[in-house]
Amino acid sequence: MKDKLTGPLQGVTVIELAHVMAGPTCGRMLADMGADVIKVERVPGGDDTRRDTMPNEAGDPDSHAFMMMNRNKRGIALNLKTEDGRAILRRLLARADVLIENYRHDTMSKLGLGWETLREEFPQLVYCSVSGFGRTGPYATRGGFDLIAQGISGLMSITGEGEGRPPVKVGPPITDITAGILAAMGVSAALFARQSTGRGQLVDTSLLEAGVTFTYWHSAITFATGDSPGALGSAHPLSAPYQAYETADGWINVGAASQPNWLRLTKILNAPELADDPRFKQNTDRMANKAALDEILVALFKLRTAQEWLADFEATGIPAGPILTVPAMHDDPQVIARDMVPIVEHPRRGRVKTIGFPVKFSGTPVNTPRAAPGLGEHTVEVLKEVGCSDFDIEKLRANDSIISAG
């Protein structure tokens, strides 16, 4: 295998039967940490994300969205509706440590590939299921998407500008991405447990649970008061001042809610009287009188430019920062220093930017040597690893059980 991956999961083999985002996010996390992730795409067509309506390079069939979610993986195309296709998958699973799937509730079981079946055939296999609502409960059979999960999890009730405004979802598909990250965490824990038990297990998480996880502070308020917290724009439900403010030439974020930072802020604002104002002396006072505080701070912040404020905040240690566009974030020196916009070499596109792995390991560093695979790019390579001959591979091609590049 060319372009060997590095990282703490070297030696782990993962079969990814996943599409679009949540399952592929899990596979991508594991691949970045060094696992050999073999992405199994359906015949025909492959992962729907290949054809997302995003700008593609001229003449290239694959979208940038697919490229983002599937780097560091090997790719094969297998028709699981054929007996030969399912037989090949079982040969792969016999050598694998992990299976990831994010199909509808009963799809894998109908193919004879559900957890209940595979646990008997492959007792060491870690079987990871990522779904809209989980494998149990009254919603288990429902299909799930990020938008739906954001609504049911309560996220859309606490996102946006406040009462009387339309519901707003968090910008990115946050429950998809987070479910994939939770799944990767669960898989890693299950692999660790297998070292002592010798057995795999089912790892089951969902978009709904990913969304609920983000409500820690808001759920704490509800548990304590019985009230349902509403949307606050960029403000914090427990601390002030902690939000975005408009300056003379743009917006900045300011996190001056702790008492030392609040006192520093009053000096920078040239408004030392605010420190002694009984309405604002402590955080509890500031939260109780937040409307009055906002009225004062909004006017003061408009007196200077964003860069002038940020320079003073950095000099005094008050947490603050600009509100960047995505392209500006890509060029930010800290983002670059943390290797969060690495470049991979693609056989058709050349040098392609991607988003980096967000955890750094001192002893087992990760790398990003491979771009996302073409449809069926590694089919022949992987099938030969599990003992298929050239004759076997031609037979599989002929009966439409596989797609192979070249």
Protein backbone atom coordinates (compact mmCIF):
# COMPACT_ATOMS: atom_id res chain seq x y z
CA MET A 1 0.00 0.00 0.00
CA LYS A 2 1.48 3.32 -1.07
CA ASP A 3 1.63 6.43 1.08
CA LYS A 4 1.63 4.73 4.46
CA LEU A 5 -0.44 6.46 7.14
CA THR A 6 0.96 7.23 10.57
CA GLY A 7 -0.79 7.69 13.88
CA PRO A 8 -1.94 5.82 17.01
CA LEU A 9 -4.32 3.48 15.12
CA GLN A 10 -1.76 1.98 12.75
CA GLY A 11 -2.55 -1.70 12.25
CA VAL A 12 -6.31 -1.24 12.64
CA THR A 13 -8.41 -2.12 9.58
CA VAL A 14 -11.78 -0.43 9.12
CA ILE A 15 -14.50 -1.25 6.60
CA GLU A 16 -16.62 1.85 5.97
CA LEU A 17 -20.09 1.17 4.58
CA ALA A 18 -21.11 4.78 4.96
CA HIS A 19 -22.16 7.67 2.80
CA VAL A 20 -22.60 11.46 2.86
CA MET A 21 -21.31 12.79 6.21
CA ALA A 22 -21.80 11.24 9.67
CA GLY A 23 -20.37 7.79 8.91
CA PRO A 24 -17.64 9.14 6.61
CA THR A 25 -16.64 11.63 9.34
CA CYS A 26 -16.07 8.68 11.67
CA GLY A 27 -14.04 6.90 8.99
CA ARG A 28 -12.05 10.03 8.25
CA MET A 29 -11.15 10.49 11.93
CA LEU A 30 -9.97 6.89 12.20
CA ALA A 31 -8.05 7.13 8.91
CA ASP A 32 -6.32 10.30 10.06
CA MET A 33 -5.22 8.44 13.19
CA GLY A 34 -3.55 5.79 11.04
CA ALA A 35 -6.22 3.14 10.50
CA ASP A 36 -6.48 1.52 7.08
CA VAL A 37 -10.00 2.62 6.20
CA ILE A 38 -11.46 0.84 3.18
CA LYS A 39 -14.46 2.79 1.94
CA VAL A 40 -16.97 0.45 0.31
CA GLU A 41 -19.19 2.36 -2.11
CA ARG A 42 -22.30 1.04 -3.76
CA VAL A 43 -22.59 -0.17 -7.35
CA PRO A 44 -23.56 1.78 -9.37
CA GLY A 45 -22.96 5.40 -8.53
CA GLY A 46 -20.98 5.32 -5.31
CA ASP A 47 -21.39 7.83 -2.48
CA ASP A 48 -23.99 10.49 -3.32
CA THR A 49 -21.58 13.16 -2.08
CA ARG A 50 -19.47 12.61 -5.19
CA ARG A 51 -22.18 14.44 -7.12
CA ASP A 52 -22.96 17.24 -4.66
CA THR A 53 -23.85 20.51 -6.34
CA MET A 54 -20.57 22.17 -5.50
CA PRO A 55 -17.98 23.57 -7.91
CA ASN A 56 -15.85 20.78 -9.34
CA GLU A 57 -12.63 21.08 -11.24
CA ALA A 58 -13.27 21.12 -14.98
CA GLY A 59 -13.96 17.61 -16.19
CA ASP A 60 -13.58 16.04 -12.74
CA PRO A 61 -16.50 13.85 -11.62
CA ASP A 62 -16.02 14.25 -7.87
CA SER A 63 -17.18 17.17 -5.74
CA HIS A 64 -15.03 19.05 -3.26
CA ALA A 65 -17.44 17.81 -0.56
CA PHE A 66 -16.53 14.20 -1.31
CA MET A 67 -12.85 15.10 -1.39
CA MET A 68 -13.13 16.70 2.05
CA MET A 69 -14.85 13.78 3.77
CA ASN A 70 -12.89 10.87 2.33
CA ARG A 71 -9.20 11.69 2.27
CA ASN A 72 -6.75 9.14 3.68
CA LYS A 73 -9.09 6.25 2.74
CA ARG A 74 -8.80 3.52 0.16
CA GLY A 75 -11.89 3.04 -1.98
CA ILE A 76 -13.61 0.04 -3.52
CA ALA A 77 -16.99 -0.27 -5.22
CA LEU A 78 -18.99 -3.36 -4.25
CA ASN A 79 -22.54 -4.43 -5.10
CA LEU A 80 -23.96 -5.81 -1.87
CA LYS A 81 -27.18 -6.79 -3.64
CA THR A 82 -25.32 -9.65 -5.29
CA GLU A 83 -24.29 -12.83 -3.52
CA ASP A 84 -20.73 -12.43 -4.77
CA GLY A 85 -20.60 -8.86 -3.47
CA ARG A 86 -21.70 -9.94 0.00
CA ALA A 87 -19.22 -12.81 -0.06
CA ILE A 88 -16.39 -10.38 -0.82
CA LEU A 89 -17.49 -8.16 2.07
CA ARG A 90 -17.32 -11.13 4.43
CA ARG A 91 -13.78 -11.85 3.25
CA LEU A 92 -12.92 -8.25 4.08
CA LEU A 93 -14.58 -8.46 7.49
CA ALA A 94 -12.62 -11.60 8.34
CA ARG A 95 -9.48 -9.42 8.29
CA ALA A 96 -11.06 -6.26 9.71
CA ASP A 97 -11.28 -4.76 13.19
CA VAL A 98 -14.13 -2.30 12.64
CA LEU A 99 -17.24 -1.94 10.48
CA ILE A 100 -18.90 1.49 10.14
CA GLU A 101 -22.39 1.82 8.65
CA ASN A 102 -24.98 4.59 8.50
CA TYR A 103 -27.76 2.97 6.48
CA ARG A 104 -31.45 3.09 7.33
CA HIS A 105 -32.59 1.00 10.29
CA ASP A 106 -33.06 -2.44 8.70
CA THR A 107 -30.93 -2.19 5.53
CA MET A 108 -27.96 -4.15 6.86
CA SER A 109 -30.18 -6.83 8.41
CA LYS A 110 -32.02 -7.34 5.11
CA LEU A 111 -28.65 -7.99 3.47
CA GLY A 112 -27.75 -10.52 6.17
CA LEU A 113 -25.08 -8.13 7.45
CA GLY A 114 -26.66 -6.77 10.62
CA TRP A 115 -24.98 -6.69 14.01
CA GLU A 116 -26.90 -9.71 15.27
CA THR A 117 -25.52 -11.82 12.40
CA LEU A 118 -21.99 -10.47 12.15
CA ARG A 119 -21.34 -10.68 15.90
CA GLU A 120 -21.64 -14.47 15.59
CA GLU A 121 -19.48 -14.71 12.47
CA PHE A 122 -16.84 -12.21 13.59
CA PRO A 123 -16.84 -12.02 17.40
CA GLN A 124 -13.86 -9.63 17.49
CA LEU A 125 -15.51 -7.11 15.16
CA VAL A 126 -16.38 -3.65 16.47
CA TYR A 127 -19.63 -2.77 14.70
CA CYS A 128 -20.33 0.96 14.59
CA SER A 129 -23.81 2.18 13.67
CA VAL A 130 -24.41 5.90 13.13
CA SER A 131 -28.04 6.84 12.53
CA GLY A 132 -30.52 9.67 12.87
CA PHE A 133 -31.99 8.58 16.20
CA GLY A 134 -30.15 5.47 17.40
CA ARG A 135 -31.03 1.79 17.19
CA THR A 136 -33.54 1.80 20.07
CA GLY A 137 -36.53 3.89 21.08
CA PRO A 138 -39.70 5.00 19.28
CA TYR A 139 -37.78 6.92 16.56
CA ALA A 140 -35.32 4.12 15.73
CA THR A 141 -36.87 3.37 12.34
CA ARG A 142 -37.00 7.00 11.20
CA GLY A 143 -34.54 8.43 8.74
CA GLY A 144 -32.64 11.36 10.14
CA PHE A 145 -30.91 14.44 8.77
CA ASP A 146 -28.96 17.20 10.48
CA LEU A 147 -31.75 19.76 10.11
CA ILE A 148 -34.29 17.41 11.72
CA ALA A 149 -31.91 16.49 14.54
CA GLN A 150 -31.10 20.15 15.25
CA GLY A 151 -34.81 20.84 15.68
CA ILE A 152 -35.65 17.86 17.90
CA SER A 153 -32.51 18.23 20.04
CA GLY A 154 -33.48 21.78 21.04
CA LEU A 155 -30.59 23.44 19.22
CA MET A 156 -32.80 25.52 16.95
CA SER A 157 -34.66 26.95 19.93
CA ILE A 158 -31.42 28.41 21.32
CA THR A 159 -29.86 29.53 18.04
CA GLY A 160 -30.67 32.83 16.34
CA GLU A 161 -31.58 36.34 17.41
CA GLY A 162 -34.38 35.75 19.88
CA GLU A 163 -38.10 35.76 20.46
CA GLY A 164 -40.30 36.47 17.46
CA ARG A 165 -37.59 35.65 14.93
CA PRO A 166 -37.68 32.58 12.64
CA PRO A 167 -35.94 29.41 13.86
CA VAL A 168 -32.28 29.23 12.81
CA LYS A 169 -30.09 26.15 12.57
CA VAL A 170 -26.41 26.17 13.45
CA GLY A 171 -24.60 26.96 10.19
CA PRO A 172 -22.65 23.74 9.59
CA PRO A 173 -24.27 20.27 9.77
CA ILE A 174 -23.15 20.10 13.37
CA THR A 175 -25.02 16.95 14.41
CA ASP A 176 -23.68 15.02 11.40
CA ILE A 177 -20.10 16.01 12.09
CA THR A 178 -20.37 15.54 15.86
CA ALA A 179 -22.07 12.14 15.52
CA GLY A 180 -19.12 11.05 13.40
CA ILE A 181 -16.64 12.30 15.99
CA LEU A 182 -18.58 10.58 18.80
CA ALA A 183 -18.61 7.38 16.75
CA ALA A 184 -14.83 7.55 16.29
CA MET A 185 -14.44 8.06 20.05
CA GLY A 186 -16.72 5.06 20.68
CA VAL A 187 -14.83 2.89 18.21
CA SER A 188 -11.50 3.78 19.83
CA ALA A 189 -12.90 2.91 23.27
CA ALA A 190 -14.32 -0.38 21.99
CA LEU A 191 -10.96 -1.31 20.48
CA PHE A 192 -9.32 -0.57 23.83
CA ALA A 193 -11.89 -2.73 25.65
CA ARG A 194 -11.31 -5.56 23.18
CA GLN A 195 -7.71 -5.81 24.34
CA SER A 196 -8.94 -7.19 27.67
CA THR A 197 -12.18 -8.93 26.64
CA GLY A 198 -11.11 -10.34 23.28
CA ARG A 199 -14.50 -9.43 21.87
CA GLY A 200 -15.91 -6.65 19.77
CA GLN A 201 -19.14 -4.85 20.52
CA LEU A 202 -21.81 -2.62 19.03
CA VAL A 203 -21.08 1.13 19.06
CA ASP A 204 -24.39 2.96 18.56
CA THR A 205 -24.72 6.75 18.32
CA SER A 206 -26.91 9.22 16.48
CA LEU A 207 -27.42 12.72 15.19
CA LEU A 208 -30.04 13.30 17.88
CA GLU A 209 -27.62 12.43 20.69
CA ALA A 210 -24.95 14.61 19.09
CA GLY A 211 -27.38 17.55 19.16
CA VAL A 212 -28.48 16.92 22.75
CA THR A 213 -24.82 16.88 23.80
CA PHE A 214 -24.49 20.53 22.78
CA THR A 215 -27.17 21.64 25.26
CA TYR A 216 -25.08 21.19 28.42
CA TRP A 217 -25.41 24.80 29.65
CA HIS A 218 -28.96 25.27 28.42
CA SER A 219 -30.12 21.97 29.90
CA ALA A 220 -28.45 22.92 33.19
CA ILE A 221 -30.50 26.15 33.23
CA THR A 222 -33.69 24.21 32.53
CA PHE A 223 -32.95 21.63 35.24
CA ALA A 224 -32.31 24.42 37.74
CA THR A 225 -35.17 26.78 36.86
CA GLY A 226 -37.72 24.85 34.83
CA ASP A 227 -37.48 27.54 32.16
CA SER A 228 -36.68 26.97 28.51
CA PRO A 229 -33.73 29.17 27.53
CA GLY A 230 -34.26 31.07 24.31
CA ALA A 231 -32.01 32.30 21.52
CA LEU A 232 -29.52 34.99 22.54
CA GLY A 233 -27.69 35.73 19.31
CA SER A 234 -23.99 35.62 20.13
CA ALA A 235 -24.51 36.20 23.87
CA HIS A 236 -23.93 33.64 26.63
CA PRO A 237 -26.80 32.40 28.82
CA LEU A 238 -24.72 32.52 32.03
CA SER A 239 -22.07 35.23 31.64
CA ALA A 240 -21.66 38.85 30.50
CA PRO A 241 -20.14 40.56 28.68
CA TYR A 242 -19.48 37.61 26.38
CA GLN A 243 -20.67 38.23 22.82
CA ALA A 244 -20.10 40.00 19.52
CA TYR A 245 -19.99 43.79 19.40
CA GLU A 246 -20.02 46.10 16.40
CA THR A 247 -17.07 48.47 16.15
CA ALA A 248 -16.55 51.48 13.91
CA ASP A 249 -15.62 49.21 10.99
CA GLY A 250 -16.85 45.69 11.74
CA TRP A 251 -17.66 43.11 14.37
CA ILE A 252 -15.49 41.49 17.04
CA ASN A 253 -16.05 38.91 19.76
CA VAL A 254 -15.28 39.87 23.36
CA GLY A 255 -15.08 37.44 26.27
CA ALA A 256 -14.73 39.64 29.34
CA ALA A 257 -17.15 37.88 31.67
CA SER A 258 -14.72 36.91 34.45
CA GLN A 259 -14.35 39.54 37.15
CA PRO A 260 -10.68 40.39 36.43
CA ASN A 261 -11.40 40.73 32.72
CA TRP A 262 -14.48 42.84 33.38
CA LEU A 263 -12.43 45.28 35.44
CA ARG A 264 -9.76 45.40 32.71
CA LEU A 265 -12.46 46.05 30.13
CA THR A 266 -13.86 49.06 31.99
CA LYS A 267 -10.42 50.66 31.87
CA ILE A 268 -9.89 49.95 28.17
CA LEU A 269 -13.34 51.36 27.44
CA ASN A 270 -12.32 54.49 29.36
CA ALA A 271 -15.40 53.97 31.50
CA PRO A 272 -14.05 53.15 34.98
CA GLU A 273 -17.39 54.20 36.51
CA LEU A 274 -18.89 50.95 35.20
CA ALA A 275 -16.74 48.99 37.65
CA ASP A 276 -18.46 50.67 40.59
CA ASP A 277 -21.95 50.70 39.11
CA PRO A 278 -24.04 48.42 41.39
CA ARG A 279 -25.89 47.12 38.34
CA PHE A 280 -22.68 45.64 36.94
CA LYS A 281 -20.39 44.89 39.89
CA GLN A 282 -20.53 41.08 39.66
CA ASN A 283 -21.50 38.68 36.90
CA THR A 284 -24.86 38.01 38.56
CA ASP A 285 -25.53 41.77 38.53
CA ARG A 286 -24.49 42.09 34.91
CA MET A 287 -26.76 39.22 33.87
CA ALA A 288 -29.69 40.70 35.82
CA ASN A 289 -29.17 44.05 34.09
CA LYS A 290 -27.91 42.82 30.76
CA ALA A 291 -30.15 45.03 28.62
CA ALA A 292 -28.78 48.13 30.31
CA LEU A 293 -25.21 46.84 30.04
CA ASP A 294 -25.62 46.10 26.33
CA GLU A 295 -26.97 49.57 25.64
CA ILE A 296 -23.87 51.13 27.16
CA LEU A 297 -21.32 48.73 25.61
CA VAL A 298 -22.83 48.85 22.12
CA ALA A 299 -22.37 52.63 22.04
CA LEU A 300 -18.82 52.50 23.42
CA PHE A 301 -17.54 49.83 21.02
CA LYS A 302 -18.61 51.87 17.99
CA LEU A 303 -16.16 54.62 18.94
CA ARG A 304 -13.06 52.78 17.66
CA THR A 305 -12.07 50.31 14.94
CA ALA A 306 -11.92 46.57 15.37
CA GLN A 307 -8.13 46.50 15.11
CA GLU A 308 -7.73 49.24 17.72
CA TRP A 309 -9.89 47.37 20.22
CA LEU A 310 -8.23 44.01 19.51
CA ALA A 311 -4.75 45.45 19.97
CA ASP A 312 -5.66 46.78 23.42
CA PHE A 313 -7.37 43.53 24.40
CA GLU A 314 -4.35 41.46 23.41
CA ALA A 315 -2.04 43.77 25.33
CA THR A 316 -4.09 43.38 28.52
CA GLY A 317 -4.98 39.68 28.16
CA ILE A 318 -8.72 40.03 27.56
CA PRO A 319 -9.93 37.17 25.31
CA ALA A 320 -11.17 38.70 22.06
CA GLY A 321 -10.96 38.08 18.35
CA PRO A 322 -12.16 39.01 14.89
CA ILE A 323 -15.11 37.36 13.17
CA LEU A 324 -13.50 35.85 10.09
CA THR A 325 -14.95 34.59 6.86
CA VAL A 326 -14.06 31.02 5.96
CA PRO A 327 -11.40 32.11 3.41
CA ALA A 328 -9.88 34.47 5.99
CA MET A 329 -9.84 31.62 8.53
CA HIS A 330 -7.91 29.47 6.04
CA ASP A 331 -5.23 32.19 5.92
CA ASP A 332 -5.10 32.85 9.66
CA PRO A 333 -1.54 32.31 10.98
CA GLN A 334 -2.67 30.27 13.99
CA VAL A 335 -4.80 27.99 11.82
CA ILE A 336 -1.83 27.48 9.51
CA ALA A 337 0.59 26.94 12.41
CA ARG A 338 -1.68 24.19 13.75
CA ASP A 339 -1.66 22.47 10.34
CA MET A 340 -5.42 22.80 9.95
CA VAL A 341 -5.26 23.49 6.20
CA PRO A 342 -2.89 20.80 4.87
CA ILE A 343 -2.39 20.02 1.19
CA VAL A 344 -2.76 16.59 -0.39
CA GLU A 345 -1.67 15.49 -3.85
CA HIS A 346 -4.54 14.41 -6.10
CA PRO A 347 -3.86 12.43 -9.29
CA ARG A 348 -6.18 14.62 -11.38
CA ARG A 349 -6.21 17.95 -9.56
CA GLY A 350 -2.69 18.23 -8.26
CA ARG A 351 -2.29 20.01 -4.92
CA VAL A 352 -5.64 20.13 -3.07
CA LYS A 353 -6.34 21.88 0.24
CA THR A 354 -8.27 20.06 2.95
CA ILE A 355 -9.08 20.52 6.65
CA GLY A 356 -6.57 19.00 9.06
CA PHE A 357 -6.89 16.63 11.99
CA PRO A 358 -7.78 18.57 15.17
CA VAL A 359 -5.77 16.53 17.71
CA LYS A 360 -1.98 16.48 17.89
CA PHE A 361 -0.07 13.45 19.26
CA SER A 362 3.50 13.86 20.46
CA GLY A 363 4.47 10.21 20.08
CA THR A 364 2.30 9.02 17.19
CA PRO A 365 1.76 12.04 14.93
CA VAL A 366 -0.78 11.81 12.13
CA ASN A 367 -0.23 12.69 8.49
CA THR A 368 -2.43 13.33 5.46
CA PRO A 369 -0.75 11.66 2.51
CA ARG A 370 -3.72 10.62 0.38
CA ALA A 371 -6.53 12.44 -1.38
CA ALA A 372 -10.00 10.89 -1.50
CA PRO A 373 -10.18 7.81 -3.74
CA GLY A 374 -11.80 7.67 -7.15
CA LEU A 375 -14.77 5.33 -7.44
CA GLY A 376 -13.31 1.82 -7.30
CA GLU A 377 -9.73 3.14 -7.29
CA HIS A 378 -8.43 0.47 -4.92
CA THR A 379 -10.84 -2.38 -5.72
CA VAL A 380 -8.28 -4.62 -7.39
CA GLU A 381 -5.61 -3.83 -4.78
CA VAL A 382 -7.91 -4.69 -1.87
CA LEU A 383 -9.39 -7.81 -3.48
CA LYS A 384 -5.93 -9.21 -4.12
CA GLU A 385 -5.10 -8.64 -0.45
CA VAL A 386 -7.96 -10.98 0.50
CA GLY A 387 -6.87 -13.67 -1.94
CA CYS A 388 -8.82 -12.93 -5.13
CA SER A 389 -7.12 -13.95 -8.36
CA ASP A 390 -7.23 -12.03 -11.64
CA PHE A 391 -9.79 -14.60 -12.83
CA ASP A 392 -11.96 -13.97 -9.74
CA ILE A 393 -11.78 -10.22 -10.26
CA GLU A 394 -12.78 -10.47 -13.93
CA LYS A 395 -15.75 -12.65 -12.95
CA LEU A 396 -16.85 -10.08 -10.36
CA ARG A 397 -16.56 -7.33 -12.96
CA ALA A 398 -18.59 -9.34 -15.43
CA ASN A 399 -21.53 -9.92 -13.07
CA ASP A 400 -21.54 -6.29 -11.89
CA SER A 401 -20.48 -7.15 -8.34
CA ILE A 402 -17.62 -4.61 -8.42
CA ILE A 403 -16.40 -1.48 -10.12
CA SER A 404 -12.65 -1.06 -10.48
CA ALA A 405 -10.74 1.89 -11.84
CA GLY A 406 -8.54 1.34 -14.84
